[in-house]
């Protein structure tokens, strides 16, 4: 499945389901990071704040997914 197909399917999900998928993906990225590399870990963030962090810290990945 291509990145475009994944994004198309993602867009079909409800807002709640999209948040769940996003949280899962963000969790996978966080698990791979060095323990001291993310000062925001452990803080309660809003969905928008979490999006900002994940998209900024993984800009290259999302650029590849967009292709």
N, C-alpha and C. Protein backbone atom coordinates (compact mmCIF):
# COMPACT_ATOMS: atom_id res chain seq x y z
N UNK A 1 0.85 -1.18 0.00
CA UNK A 1 0.00 0.00 0.00
C UNK A 1 0.90 1.24 0.00
N UNK A 2 0.60 2.17 -0.84
CA UNK A 2 1.41 3.39 -0.93
C UNK A 2 1.03 4.37 0.18
N UNK A 3 1.89 5.36 0.38
CA UNK A 3 1.61 6.38 1.38
C UNK A 3 0.33 7.14 1.04
N UNK A 4 0.11 7.41 -0.24
CA UNK A 4 -1.12 8.11 -0.64
C UNK A 4 -2.36 7.29 -0.32
N UNK A 5 -2.27 5.98 -0.53
CA UNK A 5 -3.41 5.11 -0.22
C UNK A 5 -3.67 5.09 1.29
N UNK A 6 -2.61 5.07 2.07
CA UNK A 6 -2.75 5.09 3.52
C UNK A 6 -3.41 6.39 3.97
N UNK A 7 -2.95 7.50 3.43
CA UNK A 7 -3.52 8.80 3.80
C UNK A 7 -4.98 8.89 3.38
N UNK A 8 -5.32 8.36 2.22
CA UNK A 8 -6.71 8.35 1.77
C UNK A 8 -7.58 7.57 2.74
N UNK A 9 -7.10 6.41 3.16
CA UNK A 9 -7.84 5.60 4.14
C UNK A 9 -7.93 6.31 5.48
N UNK A 10 -6.84 6.95 5.89
CA UNK A 10 -6.81 7.70 7.15
C UNK A 10 -7.86 8.80 7.14
N UNK A 11 -7.98 9.50 6.02
CA UNK A 11 -8.95 10.59 5.90
C UNK A 11 -10.40 10.11 6.02
N UNK A 12 -10.64 8.83 5.78
CA UNK A 12 -11.99 8.27 5.88
C UNK A 12 -12.40 7.98 7.32
N UNK A 13 -11.43 7.96 8.23
CA UNK A 13 -11.71 7.66 9.63
C UNK A 13 -12.38 8.84 10.31
N UNK A 14 -13.09 8.55 11.39
CA UNK A 14 -13.68 9.62 12.20
C UNK A 14 -12.56 10.38 12.90
N UNK A 15 -12.87 11.55 13.41
CA UNK A 15 -11.86 12.36 14.10
C UNK A 15 -11.26 11.59 15.28
N UNK A 16 -12.10 10.88 16.02
CA UNK A 16 -11.63 10.11 17.18
C UNK A 16 -10.68 9.00 16.73
N UNK A 17 -11.03 8.31 15.66
CA UNK A 17 -10.17 7.24 15.15
C UNK A 17 -8.85 7.81 14.62
N UNK A 18 -8.91 8.97 13.98
CA UNK A 18 -7.68 9.60 13.50
C UNK A 18 -6.77 9.94 14.67
N UNK A 19 -7.33 10.45 15.75
CA UNK A 19 -6.54 10.76 16.94
C UNK A 19 -5.90 9.51 17.51
N UNK A 20 -6.63 8.40 17.52
CA UNK A 20 -6.10 7.14 18.03
C UNK A 20 -4.92 6.65 17.17
N UNK A 21 -5.09 6.73 15.86
CA UNK A 21 -4.01 6.32 14.95
C UNK A 21 -2.80 7.22 15.14
N UNK A 22 -3.05 8.51 15.24
CA UNK A 22 -1.96 9.46 15.42
C UNK A 22 -1.21 9.17 16.73
N UNK A 23 -1.94 8.92 17.79
CA UNK A 23 -1.31 8.62 19.09
C UNK A 23 -0.47 7.35 18.99
N UNK A 24 -0.96 6.36 18.28
CA UNK A 24 -0.19 5.12 18.09
C UNK A 24 1.12 5.39 17.34
N UNK A 25 1.02 6.14 16.26
CA UNK A 25 2.21 6.46 15.46
C UNK A 25 3.18 7.30 16.27
N UNK A 26 2.67 8.30 16.96
CA UNK A 26 3.53 9.15 17.79
C UNK A 26 4.22 8.32 18.86
N UNK A 27 3.50 7.38 19.45
CA UNK A 27 4.09 6.51 20.46
C UNK A 27 5.23 5.68 19.91
N UNK A 28 5.09 5.22 18.69
CA UNK A 28 6.17 4.44 18.06
C UNK A 28 7.41 5.30 17.86
N UNK A 29 7.23 6.55 17.48
CA UNK A 29 8.37 7.44 17.30
C UNK A 29 9.03 7.75 18.63
N UNK A 30 8.22 8.00 19.64
CA UNK A 30 8.75 8.32 20.96
C UNK A 30 9.56 7.15 21.50
N UNK A 31 9.07 5.94 21.30
CA UNK A 31 9.76 4.75 21.81
C UNK A 31 11.15 4.59 21.19
N UNK A 32 11.34 5.11 19.99
CA UNK A 32 12.62 4.96 19.30
C UNK A 32 13.61 6.07 19.64
N UNK A 33 13.17 7.10 20.35
CA UNK A 33 14.02 8.25 20.65
C UNK A 33 14.90 7.99 21.87
N UNK A 34 16.02 8.67 21.94
CA UNK A 34 16.89 8.61 23.11
C UNK A 34 16.15 9.22 24.29
N UNK A 35 16.37 8.71 25.51
CA UNK A 35 15.59 9.18 26.66
C UNK A 35 15.69 10.67 26.96
N UNK A 36 16.80 11.32 26.67
CA UNK A 36 16.96 12.74 26.98
C UNK A 36 16.71 13.65 25.79
N UNK A 37 16.27 13.10 24.68
CA UNK A 37 16.15 13.91 23.47
C UNK A 37 14.84 14.68 23.37
N UNK A 38 13.86 14.34 24.17
CA UNK A 38 12.54 14.98 24.06
C UNK A 38 12.09 15.55 25.39
N UNK A 39 12.37 16.82 25.66
CA UNK A 39 11.98 17.39 26.95
C UNK A 39 10.47 17.47 27.16
N UNK A 40 9.70 17.27 26.10
CA UNK A 40 8.24 17.34 26.22
C UNK A 40 7.64 16.03 26.69
N UNK A 41 8.44 14.95 26.75
CA UNK A 41 7.91 13.65 27.19
C UNK A 41 7.38 13.76 28.62
N UNK A 42 6.28 13.12 28.87
CA UNK A 42 5.70 13.11 30.21
C UNK A 42 4.81 14.30 30.50
N UNK A 43 4.78 15.25 29.59
CA UNK A 43 3.91 16.41 29.78
C UNK A 43 2.57 16.13 29.12
N UNK A 44 1.51 16.66 29.69
CA UNK A 44 0.19 16.50 29.11
C UNK A 44 0.04 17.54 28.00
N UNK A 45 -0.06 17.06 26.78
CA UNK A 45 -0.17 17.94 25.62
C UNK A 45 -1.55 17.81 24.99
N UNK A 46 -2.00 18.88 24.41
CA UNK A 46 -3.24 18.81 23.63
C UNK A 46 -2.92 18.08 22.33
N UNK A 47 -3.95 17.66 21.63
CA UNK A 47 -3.76 16.99 20.36
C UNK A 47 -2.98 17.89 19.39
N UNK A 48 -3.33 19.18 19.34
CA UNK A 48 -2.65 20.12 18.44
C UNK A 48 -1.18 20.28 18.80
N UNK A 49 -0.88 20.35 20.10
CA UNK A 49 0.52 20.47 20.53
C UNK A 49 1.30 19.22 20.16
N UNK A 50 0.69 18.06 20.36
CA UNK A 50 1.35 16.80 20.00
C UNK A 50 1.59 16.72 18.49
N UNK A 51 0.61 17.16 17.71
CA UNK A 51 0.77 17.18 16.24
C UNK A 51 1.95 18.04 15.85
N UNK A 52 2.03 19.21 16.43
CA UNK A 52 3.12 20.14 16.11
C UNK A 52 4.47 19.50 16.37
N UNK A 53 4.61 18.85 17.51
CA UNK A 53 5.88 18.22 17.87
C UNK A 53 6.20 17.07 16.93
N UNK A 54 5.23 16.18 16.73
CA UNK A 54 5.50 15.01 15.89
C UNK A 54 5.81 15.41 14.46
N UNK A 55 5.04 16.33 13.91
CA UNK A 55 5.28 16.73 12.53
C UNK A 55 6.59 17.49 12.37
N UNK A 56 6.96 18.30 13.34
CA UNK A 56 8.22 19.05 13.26
C UNK A 56 9.41 18.12 13.43
N UNK A 57 9.32 17.17 14.36
CA UNK A 57 10.45 16.29 14.62
C UNK A 57 10.60 15.19 13.56
N UNK A 58 9.57 14.99 12.76
CA UNK A 58 9.60 13.92 11.76
C UNK A 58 9.27 14.45 10.37
N UNK A 59 9.72 15.66 10.12
CA UNK A 59 9.41 16.33 8.85
C UNK A 59 9.83 15.49 7.64
N UNK A 60 11.01 14.86 7.70
CA UNK A 60 11.50 14.07 6.57
C UNK A 60 10.59 12.88 6.29
N UNK A 61 10.16 12.21 7.35
CA UNK A 61 9.28 11.05 7.18
C UNK A 61 7.97 11.46 6.51
N UNK A 62 7.36 12.52 7.00
CA UNK A 62 6.08 12.94 6.44
C UNK A 62 6.25 13.47 5.02
N UNK A 63 7.39 14.05 4.70
CA UNK A 63 7.66 14.48 3.32
C UNK A 63 7.73 13.26 2.41
N UNK A 64 8.35 12.18 2.89
CA UNK A 64 8.40 10.95 2.10
C UNK A 64 7.01 10.33 1.95
N UNK A 65 6.24 10.35 3.01
CA UNK A 65 4.88 9.81 2.94
C UNK A 65 4.01 10.59 1.98
N UNK A 66 4.27 11.87 1.86
CA UNK A 66 3.47 12.72 0.97
C UNK A 66 3.74 12.47 -0.51
N UNK A 67 4.88 11.87 -0.79
CA UNK A 67 5.25 11.63 -2.20
C UNK A 67 4.42 10.53 -2.82
